[in-house]
Amino acid sequence: MTRADNVLNMQITIANCMKQEWNIDFSKVSDLLDKYDLLSYIDTCYEEYNSMGIKGILKDLKSYINAIEETI
């Protein structure tokens, strides 16, 4: 598999985990992915995320979202 394939796999997995762990529906997940450009962020963090568990990844995403919210 190429890096792009692996990133896509990770993005899909993280989106599913966001839905489950944050108790939100896929519409809200999609809104968050778009609003905060999380797919690009996941791509940027791909190598680092490979060595993290899903709880750490979701914590990082929440921190990233909060940091953006603070600058708006």
N, C-alpha and C. Protein backbone atom coordinates (compact mmCIF):
# COMPACT_ATOMS: atom_id res chain seq x y z
N MET A 1 0.84 -1.20 0.00
CA MET A 1 0.00 0.00 0.00
C MET A 1 0.87 1.25 0.00
N THR A 2 0.39 2.26 -0.64
CA THR A 2 1.12 3.52 -0.67
C THR A 2 0.83 4.32 0.60
N ARG A 3 1.60 5.36 0.81
CA ARG A 3 1.36 6.24 1.97
C ARG A 3 -0.04 6.82 1.89
N ALA A 4 -0.45 7.24 0.69
CA ALA A 4 -1.78 7.83 0.50
C ALA A 4 -2.88 6.84 0.91
N ASP A 5 -2.70 5.57 0.55
CA ASP A 5 -3.67 4.54 0.94
C ASP A 5 -3.72 4.38 2.46
N ASN A 6 -2.55 4.39 3.08
CA ASN A 6 -2.48 4.24 4.53
C ASN A 6 -3.09 5.45 5.24
N VAL A 7 -2.85 6.64 4.72
CA VAL A 7 -3.44 7.85 5.31
C VAL A 7 -4.96 7.78 5.21
N LEU A 8 -5.47 7.41 4.05
CA LEU A 8 -6.91 7.29 3.86
C LEU A 8 -7.50 6.28 4.84
N ASN A 9 -6.84 5.16 5.00
CA ASN A 9 -7.28 4.16 5.97
C ASN A 9 -7.34 4.75 7.37
N MET A 10 -6.30 5.50 7.75
CA MET A 10 -6.26 6.12 9.06
C MET A 10 -7.38 7.15 9.21
N GLN A 11 -7.61 7.95 8.19
CA GLN A 11 -8.65 8.97 8.25
C GLN A 11 -10.02 8.33 8.47
N ILE A 12 -10.29 7.25 7.77
CA ILE A 12 -11.57 6.55 7.91
C ILE A 12 -11.71 5.97 9.32
N THR A 13 -10.64 5.36 9.81
CA THR A 13 -10.65 4.78 11.15
C THR A 13 -10.89 5.86 12.20
N ILE A 14 -10.20 6.98 12.07
CA ILE A 14 -10.34 8.07 13.04
C ILE A 14 -11.75 8.64 12.98
N ALA A 15 -12.32 8.82 11.80
CA ALA A 15 -13.69 9.33 11.67
C ALA A 15 -14.67 8.41 12.40
N ASN A 16 -14.50 7.10 12.23
CA ASN A 16 -15.37 6.14 12.93
C ASN A 16 -15.19 6.24 14.45
N CYS A 17 -13.97 6.39 14.89
CA CYS A 17 -13.70 6.51 16.32
C CYS A 17 -14.24 7.82 16.88
N MET A 18 -14.16 8.90 16.10
CA MET A 18 -14.75 10.17 16.54
C MET A 18 -16.24 9.99 16.81
N LYS A 19 -16.92 9.31 15.89
CA LYS A 19 -18.35 9.06 16.04
C LYS A 19 -18.63 8.30 17.32
N GLN A 20 -17.89 7.23 17.55
CA GLN A 20 -18.14 6.38 18.70
C GLN A 20 -17.71 7.03 20.02
N GLU A 21 -16.50 7.52 20.06
CA GLU A 21 -15.95 8.06 21.31
C GLU A 21 -16.58 9.38 21.72
N TRP A 22 -16.92 10.21 20.74
CA TRP A 22 -17.49 11.52 21.03
C TRP A 22 -19.02 11.49 20.99
N ASN A 23 -19.58 10.31 20.71
CA ASN A 23 -21.02 10.11 20.70
C ASN A 23 -21.73 11.14 19.81
N ILE A 24 -21.24 11.24 18.57
CA ILE A 24 -21.84 12.15 17.59
C ILE A 24 -22.17 11.34 16.33
N ASP A 25 -23.05 11.90 15.50
CA ASP A 25 -23.39 11.18 14.27
C ASP A 25 -22.41 11.55 13.16
N PHE A 26 -22.50 10.80 12.04
CA PHE A 26 -21.55 11.02 10.95
C PHE A 26 -21.69 12.40 10.32
N SER A 27 -22.89 12.97 10.39
CA SER A 27 -23.07 14.33 9.87
C SER A 27 -22.21 15.33 10.64
N LYS A 28 -22.20 15.19 11.96
CA LYS A 28 -21.38 16.06 12.81
C LYS A 28 -19.89 15.78 12.59
N VAL A 29 -19.54 14.51 12.44
CA VAL A 29 -18.14 14.15 12.14
C VAL A 29 -17.72 14.84 10.84
N SER A 30 -18.55 14.75 9.82
CA SER A 30 -18.25 15.39 8.54
C SER A 30 -18.10 16.90 8.68
N ASP A 31 -18.99 17.51 9.46
CA ASP A 31 -18.91 18.96 9.70
C ASP A 31 -17.57 19.32 10.35
N LEU A 32 -17.16 18.54 11.36
CA LEU A 32 -15.88 18.81 12.04
C LEU A 32 -14.70 18.62 11.10
N LEU A 33 -14.73 17.56 10.30
CA LEU A 33 -13.65 17.30 9.35
C LEU A 33 -13.51 18.47 8.38
N ASP A 34 -14.64 19.00 7.92
CA ASP A 34 -14.61 20.12 6.97
C ASP A 34 -14.23 21.43 7.65
N LYS A 35 -14.89 21.75 8.74
CA LYS A 35 -14.69 23.04 9.41
C LYS A 35 -13.24 23.25 9.84
N TYR A 36 -12.62 22.20 10.34
CA TYR A 36 -11.25 22.32 10.89
C TYR A 36 -10.20 21.70 9.98
N ASP A 37 -10.58 21.31 8.78
CA ASP A 37 -9.67 20.70 7.80
C ASP A 37 -8.88 19.54 8.44
N LEU A 38 -9.62 18.70 9.16
CA LEU A 38 -8.98 17.63 9.92
C LEU A 38 -8.34 16.56 9.04
N LEU A 39 -8.86 16.35 7.83
CA LEU A 39 -8.25 15.35 6.97
C LEU A 39 -6.82 15.74 6.61
N SER A 40 -6.61 17.01 6.33
CA SER A 40 -5.24 17.49 6.05
C SER A 40 -4.37 17.39 7.29
N TYR A 41 -4.95 17.71 8.44
CA TYR A 41 -4.20 17.64 9.69
C TYR A 41 -3.79 16.19 9.98
N ILE A 42 -4.71 15.25 9.77
CA ILE A 42 -4.39 13.84 9.97
C ILE A 42 -3.27 13.41 9.02
N ASP A 43 -3.34 13.87 7.79
CA ASP A 43 -2.27 13.56 6.82
C ASP A 43 -0.93 14.09 7.31
N THR A 44 -0.92 15.31 7.81
CA THR A 44 0.31 15.92 8.32
C THR A 44 0.86 15.14 9.52
N CYS A 45 -0.04 14.65 10.37
CA CYS A 45 0.37 13.96 11.60
C CYS A 45 0.48 12.45 11.42
N TYR A 46 0.34 11.96 10.21
CA TYR A 46 0.26 10.52 9.95
C TYR A 46 1.39 9.73 10.63
N GLU A 47 2.61 10.15 10.42
CA GLU A 47 3.75 9.40 10.99
C GLU A 47 3.69 9.39 12.51
N GLU A 48 3.41 10.54 13.11
CA GLU A 48 3.31 10.63 14.57
C GLU A 48 2.13 9.79 15.09
N TYR A 49 1.01 9.85 14.39
CA TYR A 49 -0.17 9.10 14.81
C TYR A 49 0.05 7.59 14.75
N ASN A 50 0.96 7.14 13.90
CA ASN A 50 1.24 5.71 13.81
C ASN A 50 1.77 5.14 15.11
N SER A 51 2.37 5.98 15.93
CA SER A 51 2.92 5.49 17.19
C SER A 51 2.04 5.83 18.39
N MET A 52 0.82 6.32 18.12
CA MET A 52 -0.11 6.70 19.18
C MET A 52 -1.32 5.79 19.17
N GLY A 53 -1.95 5.66 20.31
CA GLY A 53 -3.23 4.96 20.38
C GLY A 53 -4.35 5.90 19.97
N ILE A 54 -5.53 5.35 19.75
CA ILE A 54 -6.65 6.16 19.27
C ILE A 54 -7.06 7.22 20.29
N LYS A 55 -6.97 6.91 21.57
CA LYS A 55 -7.34 7.92 22.58
C LYS A 55 -6.40 9.12 22.52
N GLY A 56 -5.12 8.87 22.30
CA GLY A 56 -4.16 9.96 22.15
C GLY A 56 -4.41 10.78 20.90
N ILE A 57 -4.77 10.10 19.83
CA ILE A 57 -5.08 10.80 18.57
C ILE A 57 -6.31 11.68 18.75
N LEU A 58 -7.36 11.15 19.36
CA LEU A 58 -8.58 11.93 19.56
C LEU A 58 -8.32 13.11 20.51
N LYS A 59 -7.48 12.90 21.50
CA LYS A 59 -7.11 14.00 22.41
C LYS A 59 -6.37 15.09 21.64
N ASP A 60 -5.45 14.69 20.75
CA ASP A 60 -4.73 15.65 19.94
C ASP A 60 -5.68 16.42 19.02
N LEU A 61 -6.63 15.71 18.42
CA LEU A 61 -7.59 16.39 17.53
C LEU A 61 -8.43 17.40 18.31
N LYS A 62 -8.84 17.05 19.51
CA LYS A 62 -9.61 18.00 20.34
C LYS A 62 -8.74 19.23 20.67
N SER A 63 -7.49 19.00 21.00
CA SER A 63 -6.58 20.12 21.28
C SER A 63 -6.42 21.01 20.06
N TYR A 64 -6.29 20.40 18.90
CA TYR A 64 -6.16 21.14 17.64
C TYR A 64 -7.41 21.97 17.37
N ILE A 65 -8.58 21.36 17.55
CA ILE A 65 -9.84 22.08 17.36
C ILE A 65 -9.93 23.24 18.34
N ASN A 66 -9.61 22.99 19.61
CA ASN A 66 -9.66 24.05 20.62
C ASN A 66 -8.71 25.19 20.31
N ALA A 67 -7.52 24.87 19.80
CA ALA A 67 -6.55 25.91 19.46
C ALA A 67 -7.08 26.78 18.32
N ILE A 68 -7.72 26.17 17.36
CA ILE A 68 -8.31 26.95 16.26
C ILE A 68 -9.43 27.82 16.78
N GLU A 69 -10.28 27.27 17.64
CA GLU A 69 -11.40 28.04 18.20
C GLU A 69 -10.90 29.26 18.98
N GLU A 70 -9.80 29.11 19.67
CA GLU A 70 -9.25 30.22 20.46
C GLU A 70 -8.75 31.36 19.58
N THR A 71 -8.34 31.05 18.36
CA THR A 71 -7.81 32.10 17.49
C THR A 71 -8.91 32.78 16.67
N ILE A 72 -10.11 32.23 16.71
CA ILE A 72 -11.21 32.82 15.93
C ILE A 72 -11.87 33.92 16.73
